[in-house]
Amino acid sequence: MKAAEPAPKLAEAQARLNQYAENTRYPHAKSGSEDFISPSEDYGRNDSEQAIEDARAVVEVCEKLADEGQRFASKLGEVLRPS
């Protein structure tokens, strides 16, 4: 997988996750109101399922990038290792 392939989907997923995190930590920031809205009132099952799907997509890409980094570091070590 090339790093550029998942970028648009990953960017959308990360934006949604950021929004969920912000709105659940600071519920007044979303509406600008002093009224407290609990996350359970603001988000439903579909939102939860989407957040899980988004988080899995982010983790999958991070795992692939970590594997690529490990392979790169290993090859670099072989090149730089004195013979």
N, C-alpha and C. Protein backbone atom coordinates (compact mmCIF):
# COMPACT_ATOMS: atom_id res chain seq x y z
N MET A 1 0.84 -1.18 0.00
CA MET A 1 0.00 0.00 0.00
C MET A 1 0.88 1.24 0.00
N LYS A 2 0.57 2.15 -0.83
CA LYS A 2 1.28 3.42 -0.86
C LYS A 2 0.69 4.34 0.19
N ALA A 3 1.52 5.16 0.77
CA ALA A 3 1.07 6.05 1.84
C ALA A 3 -0.03 7.01 1.37
N ALA A 4 -0.01 7.41 0.09
CA ALA A 4 -0.97 8.40 -0.40
C ALA A 4 -2.35 7.80 -0.64
N GLU A 5 -2.46 6.49 -0.81
CA GLU A 5 -3.74 5.87 -1.13
C GLU A 5 -4.84 6.14 -0.11
N PRO A 6 -4.58 5.93 1.20
CA PRO A 6 -5.68 6.10 2.16
C PRO A 6 -5.88 7.53 2.63
N ALA A 7 -5.12 8.48 2.14
CA ALA A 7 -5.12 9.83 2.70
C ALA A 7 -6.50 10.49 2.76
N PRO A 8 -7.28 10.54 1.68
CA PRO A 8 -8.58 11.23 1.78
C PRO A 8 -9.52 10.55 2.79
N LYS A 9 -9.62 9.22 2.73
CA LYS A 9 -10.49 8.52 3.66
C LYS A 9 -9.98 8.68 5.09
N LEU A 10 -8.68 8.60 5.24
CA LEU A 10 -8.10 8.73 6.58
C LEU A 10 -8.29 10.14 7.12
N ALA A 11 -8.16 11.14 6.28
CA ALA A 11 -8.36 12.53 6.72
C ALA A 11 -9.80 12.74 7.18
N GLU A 12 -10.75 12.18 6.45
CA GLU A 12 -12.16 12.30 6.83
C GLU A 12 -12.42 11.59 8.16
N ALA A 13 -11.85 10.40 8.31
CA ALA A 13 -12.03 9.63 9.55
C ALA A 13 -11.44 10.41 10.72
N GLN A 14 -10.25 10.94 10.54
CA GLN A 14 -9.60 11.68 11.62
C GLN A 14 -10.38 12.94 11.97
N ALA A 15 -10.93 13.61 10.99
CA ALA A 15 -11.73 14.81 11.26
C ALA A 15 -12.97 14.47 12.09
N ARG A 16 -13.62 13.35 11.75
CA ARG A 16 -14.79 12.94 12.54
C ARG A 16 -14.37 12.59 13.96
N LEU A 17 -13.29 11.84 14.11
CA LEU A 17 -12.82 11.46 15.45
C LEU A 17 -12.46 12.70 16.26
N ASN A 18 -11.81 13.67 15.63
CA ASN A 18 -11.49 14.92 16.33
C ASN A 18 -12.75 15.63 16.81
N GLN A 19 -13.75 15.65 15.95
CA GLN A 19 -15.02 16.30 16.31
C GLN A 19 -15.67 15.58 17.48
N TYR A 20 -15.70 14.26 17.44
CA TYR A 20 -16.28 13.50 18.55
C TYR A 20 -15.53 13.79 19.85
N ALA A 21 -14.21 13.77 19.77
CA ALA A 21 -13.40 14.00 20.97
C ALA A 21 -13.64 15.39 21.54
N GLU A 22 -13.64 16.38 20.68
CA GLU A 22 -13.84 17.76 21.13
C GLU A 22 -15.22 17.95 21.75
N ASN A 23 -16.23 17.46 21.05
CA ASN A 23 -17.60 17.68 21.53
C ASN A 23 -17.95 16.90 22.77
N THR A 24 -17.31 15.75 22.98
CA THR A 24 -17.61 14.99 24.20
C THR A 24 -16.81 15.51 25.39
N ARG A 25 -15.65 16.09 25.14
CA ARG A 25 -14.86 16.67 26.25
C ARG A 25 -15.38 18.03 26.65
N TYR A 26 -15.80 18.80 25.66
CA TYR A 26 -16.24 20.18 25.90
C TYR A 26 -17.63 20.37 25.30
N PRO A 27 -18.67 19.83 25.92
CA PRO A 27 -20.01 19.88 25.31
C PRO A 27 -20.54 21.29 25.11
N HIS A 28 -20.08 22.26 25.88
CA HIS A 28 -20.57 23.63 25.70
C HIS A 28 -19.95 24.30 24.48
N ALA A 29 -18.79 23.83 24.06
CA ALA A 29 -18.09 24.46 22.94
C ALA A 29 -18.86 24.28 21.64
N LYS A 30 -19.56 23.17 21.50
CA LYS A 30 -20.27 22.90 20.25
C LYS A 30 -21.40 23.89 20.02
N SER A 31 -22.20 24.08 21.02
CA SER A 31 -23.38 24.92 20.84
C SER A 31 -23.14 26.36 21.25
N GLY A 32 -22.09 26.59 22.03
CA GLY A 32 -21.86 27.92 22.56
C GLY A 32 -22.83 28.25 23.67
N SER A 33 -23.57 27.26 24.08
CA SER A 33 -24.59 27.44 25.10
C SER A 33 -24.04 27.06 26.47
N GLU A 34 -24.69 27.56 27.48
CA GLU A 34 -24.34 27.19 28.85
C GLU A 34 -25.07 25.91 29.26
N ASP A 35 -26.05 25.50 28.45
CA ASP A 35 -26.79 24.27 28.75
C ASP A 35 -25.89 23.07 28.50
N PHE A 36 -25.90 22.14 29.42
CA PHE A 36 -25.09 20.94 29.29
C PHE A 36 -25.87 19.90 28.49
N ILE A 37 -25.22 19.37 27.45
CA ILE A 37 -25.79 18.28 26.68
C ILE A 37 -24.83 17.11 26.82
N SER A 38 -25.30 16.03 27.39
CA SER A 38 -24.40 14.89 27.57
C SER A 38 -24.13 14.24 26.22
N PRO A 39 -22.97 13.62 26.08
CA PRO A 39 -22.66 12.94 24.82
C PRO A 39 -23.71 11.91 24.41
N SER A 40 -24.32 11.25 25.39
CA SER A 40 -25.34 10.24 25.06
C SER A 40 -26.59 10.87 24.46
N GLU A 41 -26.81 12.16 24.74
CA GLU A 41 -27.94 12.87 24.13
C GLU A 41 -27.58 13.38 22.73
N ASP A 42 -26.32 13.61 22.52
CA ASP A 42 -25.86 14.22 21.27
C ASP A 42 -25.49 13.20 20.20
N TYR A 43 -25.07 12.00 20.63
CA TYR A 43 -24.60 10.98 19.69
C TYR A 43 -25.39 9.70 19.88
N GLY A 44 -25.62 9.03 18.77
CA GLY A 44 -26.38 7.78 18.81
C GLY A 44 -25.54 6.58 18.39
N ARG A 45 -26.21 5.48 18.22
CA ARG A 45 -25.55 4.22 17.87
C ARG A 45 -24.78 4.35 16.55
N ASN A 46 -25.37 4.98 15.56
CA ASN A 46 -24.70 5.12 14.26
C ASN A 46 -23.41 5.92 14.40
N ASP A 47 -23.45 6.94 15.24
CA ASP A 47 -22.24 7.74 15.48
C ASP A 47 -21.16 6.87 16.14
N SER A 48 -21.58 6.05 17.08
CA SER A 48 -20.63 5.16 17.77
C SER A 48 -20.01 4.16 16.80
N GLU A 49 -20.84 3.58 15.97
CA GLU A 49 -20.34 2.61 14.99
C GLU A 49 -19.39 3.28 14.00
N GLN A 50 -19.71 4.49 13.59
CA GLN A 50 -18.83 5.23 12.67
C GLN A 50 -17.50 5.54 13.35
N ALA A 51 -17.54 5.93 14.61
CA ALA A 51 -16.31 6.24 15.34
C ALA A 51 -15.42 5.00 15.46
N ILE A 52 -16.03 3.86 15.72
CA ILE A 52 -15.25 2.61 15.81
C ILE A 52 -14.63 2.28 14.46
N GLU A 53 -15.40 2.41 13.40
CA GLU A 53 -14.88 2.15 12.05
C GLU A 53 -13.73 3.11 11.72
N ASP A 54 -13.92 4.38 12.06
CA ASP A 54 -12.88 5.38 11.80
C ASP A 54 -11.61 5.08 12.60
N ALA A 55 -11.77 4.72 13.86
CA ALA A 55 -10.62 4.42 14.70
C ALA A 55 -9.86 3.20 14.16
N ARG A 56 -10.59 2.20 13.72
CA ARG A 56 -9.94 1.01 13.14
C ARG A 56 -9.16 1.37 11.88
N ALA A 57 -9.71 2.24 11.06
CA ALA A 57 -9.01 2.67 9.84
C ALA A 57 -7.71 3.39 10.19
N VAL A 58 -7.76 4.26 11.19
CA VAL A 58 -6.57 4.99 11.61
C VAL A 58 -5.52 4.03 12.15
N VAL A 59 -5.94 3.11 13.00
CA VAL A 59 -5.00 2.13 13.58
C VAL A 59 -4.39 1.26 12.49
N GLU A 60 -5.19 0.84 11.53
CA GLU A 60 -4.68 0.00 10.44
C GLU A 60 -3.57 0.71 9.66
N VAL A 61 -3.80 1.96 9.33
CA VAL A 61 -2.78 2.72 8.59
C VAL A 61 -1.53 2.92 9.46
N CYS A 62 -1.73 3.22 10.73
CA CYS A 62 -0.58 3.41 11.63
C CYS A 62 0.24 2.12 11.76
N GLU A 63 -0.43 0.98 11.84
CA GLU A 63 0.28 -0.30 11.93
C GLU A 63 1.10 -0.55 10.66
N LYS A 64 0.51 -0.25 9.50
CA LYS A 64 1.23 -0.44 8.24
C LYS A 64 2.44 0.50 8.16
N LEU A 65 2.25 1.72 8.58
CA LEU A 65 3.36 2.67 8.56
C LEU A 65 4.46 2.25 9.54
N ALA A 66 4.06 1.73 10.70
CA ALA A 66 5.05 1.26 11.67
C ALA A 66 5.84 0.09 11.10
N ASP A 67 5.16 -0.82 10.42
CA ASP A 67 5.85 -1.95 9.79
C ASP A 67 6.83 -1.47 8.72
N GLU A 68 6.40 -0.52 7.91
CA GLU A 68 7.29 0.04 6.88
C GLU A 68 8.49 0.72 7.53
N GLY A 69 8.27 1.41 8.62
CA GLY A 69 9.36 2.07 9.34
C GLY A 69 10.34 1.06 9.90
N GLN A 70 9.83 -0.03 10.41
CA GLN A 70 10.70 -1.10 10.93
C GLN A 70 11.56 -1.69 9.82
N ARG A 71 10.93 -1.96 8.67
CA ARG A 71 11.69 -2.52 7.53
C ARG A 71 12.75 -1.52 7.05
N PHE A 72 12.39 -0.26 6.98
CA PHE A 72 13.34 0.77 6.56
C PHE A 72 14.51 0.85 7.53
N ALA A 73 14.21 0.88 8.82
CA ALA A 73 15.27 0.97 9.83
C ALA A 73 16.19 -0.24 9.77
N SER A 74 15.61 -1.40 9.53
CA SER A 74 16.41 -2.62 9.44
C SER A 74 17.35 -2.55 8.24
N LYS A 75 16.82 -2.14 7.10
CA LYS A 75 17.65 -2.02 5.89
C LYS A 75 18.72 -0.95 6.07
N LEU A 76 18.36 0.15 6.68
CA LEU A 76 19.32 1.22 6.93
C LEU A 76 20.44 0.73 7.84
N GLY A 77 20.05 -0.04 8.86
CA GLY A 77 21.05 -0.61 9.76
C GLY A 77 22.02 -1.52 9.03
N GLU A 78 21.52 -2.30 8.08
CA GLU A 78 22.37 -3.19 7.30
C GLU A 78 23.37 -2.39 6.45
N VAL A 79 22.89 -1.29 5.88
CA VAL A 79 23.74 -0.45 5.02
C VAL A 79 24.81 0.26 5.85
N LEU A 80 24.43 0.73 7.02
CA LEU A 80 25.36 1.51 7.83
C LEU A 80 26.27 0.66 8.71
N ARG A 81 25.93 -0.60 8.85
CA ARG A 81 26.74 -1.49 9.71
C ARG A 81 28.11 -1.70 9.06
N PRO A 82 29.18 -1.45 9.81
CA PRO A 82 30.52 -1.65 9.26
C PRO A 82 30.75 -3.14 8.97
N SER A 83 31.42 -3.39 7.87
CA SER A 83 31.73 -4.80 7.49
C SER A 83 33.05 -5.22 8.00
